[in-house]
Amino acid sequence: MSVNLDVDVHTGPAGTATVVARGDLDYNTAPAFRAAVTAALADRPTTLCLDLAALTFMDSSGIVALLAAHSAAAALGCALVLDGVTPWLRTRFAITGLDKVLSLDDPPPALA
């Protein structure tokens, strides 16, 4: 059981909001992540960036939370971009097919 997730919401220029997640995104922490996404979308940004560079673990609840963020952003006409997608996350997204659904940042040169 994990309770190790820090989530920050930042509002940037030109209608951009960023949710920064650090730690484990799992069954116990997904509600806090979802609440942060909801808060970030409250001002109806044009782009929502999810910074996942500091995630250390993600289970199926984390995947569901990302899909919920995608749906919530789409319902508002907001573009959702995942940033800081590490190689282990890319692998999980490819295995689950999420790399075809979610907009990922450009891969590092070593993975291109």
Protein backbone atom coordinates (compact mmCIF):
# COMPACT_ATOMS: atom_id res chain seq x y z
CA MET A 1 0.00 0.00 0.00
CA SER A 2 1.42 3.35 -1.04
CA VAL A 3 0.67 6.86 0.08
CA ASN A 4 3.72 8.32 -1.60
CA LEU A 5 2.47 10.86 -4.12
CA ASP A 6 3.06 14.58 -4.23
CA VAL A 7 0.99 16.51 -6.74
CA ASP A 8 1.31 20.19 -7.63
CA VAL A 9 -0.79 22.27 -10.00
CA HIS A 10 0.75 25.20 -11.85
CA THR A 11 -0.99 27.68 -14.12
CA GLY A 12 1.19 28.94 -16.92
CA PRO A 13 0.95 31.48 -19.69
CA ALA A 14 -1.58 31.39 -22.51
CA GLY A 15 -4.08 29.00 -20.98
CA THR A 16 -1.70 26.27 -19.94
CA ALA A 17 -2.00 24.26 -16.73
CA THR A 18 0.51 21.69 -15.50
CA VAL A 19 0.03 18.90 -13.00
CA VAL A 20 3.34 17.62 -11.63
CA ALA A 21 3.20 14.16 -10.05
CA ARG A 22 6.05 12.77 -7.94
CA GLY A 23 6.09 9.30 -6.39
CA ASP A 24 3.67 6.40 -6.80
CA LEU A 25 0.43 6.69 -8.78
CA ASP A 26 -1.62 3.74 -7.59
CA TYR A 27 -4.93 2.69 -6.05
CA ASN A 28 -4.32 4.71 -2.88
CA THR A 29 -2.99 7.86 -4.52
CA ALA A 30 -5.08 8.05 -7.71
CA PRO A 31 -7.86 10.05 -5.98
CA ALA A 32 -5.38 12.82 -5.09
CA PHE A 33 -4.10 12.83 -8.67
CA ARG A 34 -7.64 13.04 -10.04
CA ALA A 35 -8.43 15.91 -7.66
CA ALA A 36 -5.36 17.79 -8.91
CA VAL A 37 -6.44 17.26 -12.53
CA THR A 38 -9.93 18.52 -11.68
CA ALA A 39 -8.42 21.61 -10.02
CA ALA A 40 -6.18 22.23 -13.03
CA LEU A 41 -9.15 22.01 -15.40
CA ALA A 42 -11.32 24.34 -13.30
CA ASP A 43 -10.01 27.43 -15.14
CA ARG A 44 -10.63 25.72 -18.50
CA PRO A 45 -7.08 25.84 -19.87
CA THR A 46 -6.49 25.20 -23.55
CA THR A 47 -3.67 22.77 -22.74
CA LEU A 48 -3.19 20.50 -19.72
CA CYS A 49 0.29 19.09 -19.28
CA LEU A 50 0.81 16.12 -16.99
CA ASP A 51 4.46 16.04 -15.90
CA LEU A 52 5.23 12.41 -15.08
CA ALA A 53 9.03 12.63 -14.97
CA ALA A 54 9.20 11.96 -11.24
CA LEU A 55 6.75 9.06 -11.10
CA THR A 56 8.40 6.00 -9.56
CA PHE A 57 5.51 3.53 -9.90
CA MET A 58 2.14 3.27 -11.58
CA ASP A 59 -0.42 0.48 -11.39
CA SER A 60 -3.68 -0.02 -13.28
CA SER A 61 -5.39 2.62 -11.11
CA GLY A 62 -2.84 5.12 -12.34
CA ILE A 63 -3.59 4.16 -15.93
CA VAL A 64 -7.31 4.64 -15.25
CA ALA A 65 -6.55 8.05 -13.69
CA LEU A 66 -4.65 9.08 -16.85
CA LEU A 67 -7.54 7.96 -19.04
CA ALA A 68 -9.95 9.91 -16.82
CA ALA A 69 -7.74 13.00 -17.22
CA HIS A 70 -7.79 12.48 -20.99
CA SER A 71 -11.60 12.23 -21.01
CA ALA A 72 -12.09 15.23 -18.71
CA ALA A 73 -9.75 17.39 -20.80
CA ALA A 74 -11.40 16.31 -24.06
CA ALA A 75 -14.84 17.14 -22.67
CA LEU A 76 -13.64 20.73 -22.19
CA GLY A 77 -11.89 20.93 -25.55
CA CYS A 78 -8.55 20.99 -23.76
CA ALA A 79 -5.47 19.34 -25.25
CA LEU A 80 -3.79 16.86 -22.90
CA VAL A 81 -0.05 16.32 -23.18
CA LEU A 82 2.06 13.94 -21.12
CA ASP A 83 5.52 15.28 -20.41
CA GLY A 84 8.55 13.65 -18.84
CA VAL A 85 7.47 10.18 -19.92
CA THR A 86 10.32 7.95 -18.82
CA PRO A 87 11.38 4.83 -20.71
CA TRP A 88 9.64 2.51 -18.23
CA LEU A 89 6.41 4.48 -18.62
CA ARG A 90 6.74 4.42 -22.42
CA THR A 91 7.05 0.64 -22.27
CA ARG A 92 3.90 0.32 -20.16
CA PHE A 93 2.02 2.72 -22.43
CA ALA A 94 3.09 0.70 -25.49
CA ILE A 95 2.06 -2.60 -23.87
CA THR A 96 -1.38 -1.25 -22.94
CA GLY A 97 -1.88 0.71 -26.16
CA LEU A 98 -2.04 4.04 -24.33
CA ASP A 99 0.70 5.39 -26.57
CA LYS A 100 -1.94 5.38 -29.33
CA VAL A 101 -4.51 7.23 -27.18
CA LEU A 102 -2.48 9.76 -25.19
CA SER A 103 -0.27 12.50 -26.58
CA LEU A 104 3.26 11.87 -25.33
CA ASP A 105 6.13 14.30 -25.45
CA ASP A 106 8.84 13.59 -28.02
CA PRO A 107 10.94 10.54 -27.14
CA PRO A 108 14.49 11.04 -26.00
CA PRO A 109 17.00 10.70 -28.88
CA ALA A 110 18.11 7.27 -27.62
CA LEU A 111 14.55 5.97 -28.05
CA ALA A 112 13.76 7.67 -31.36
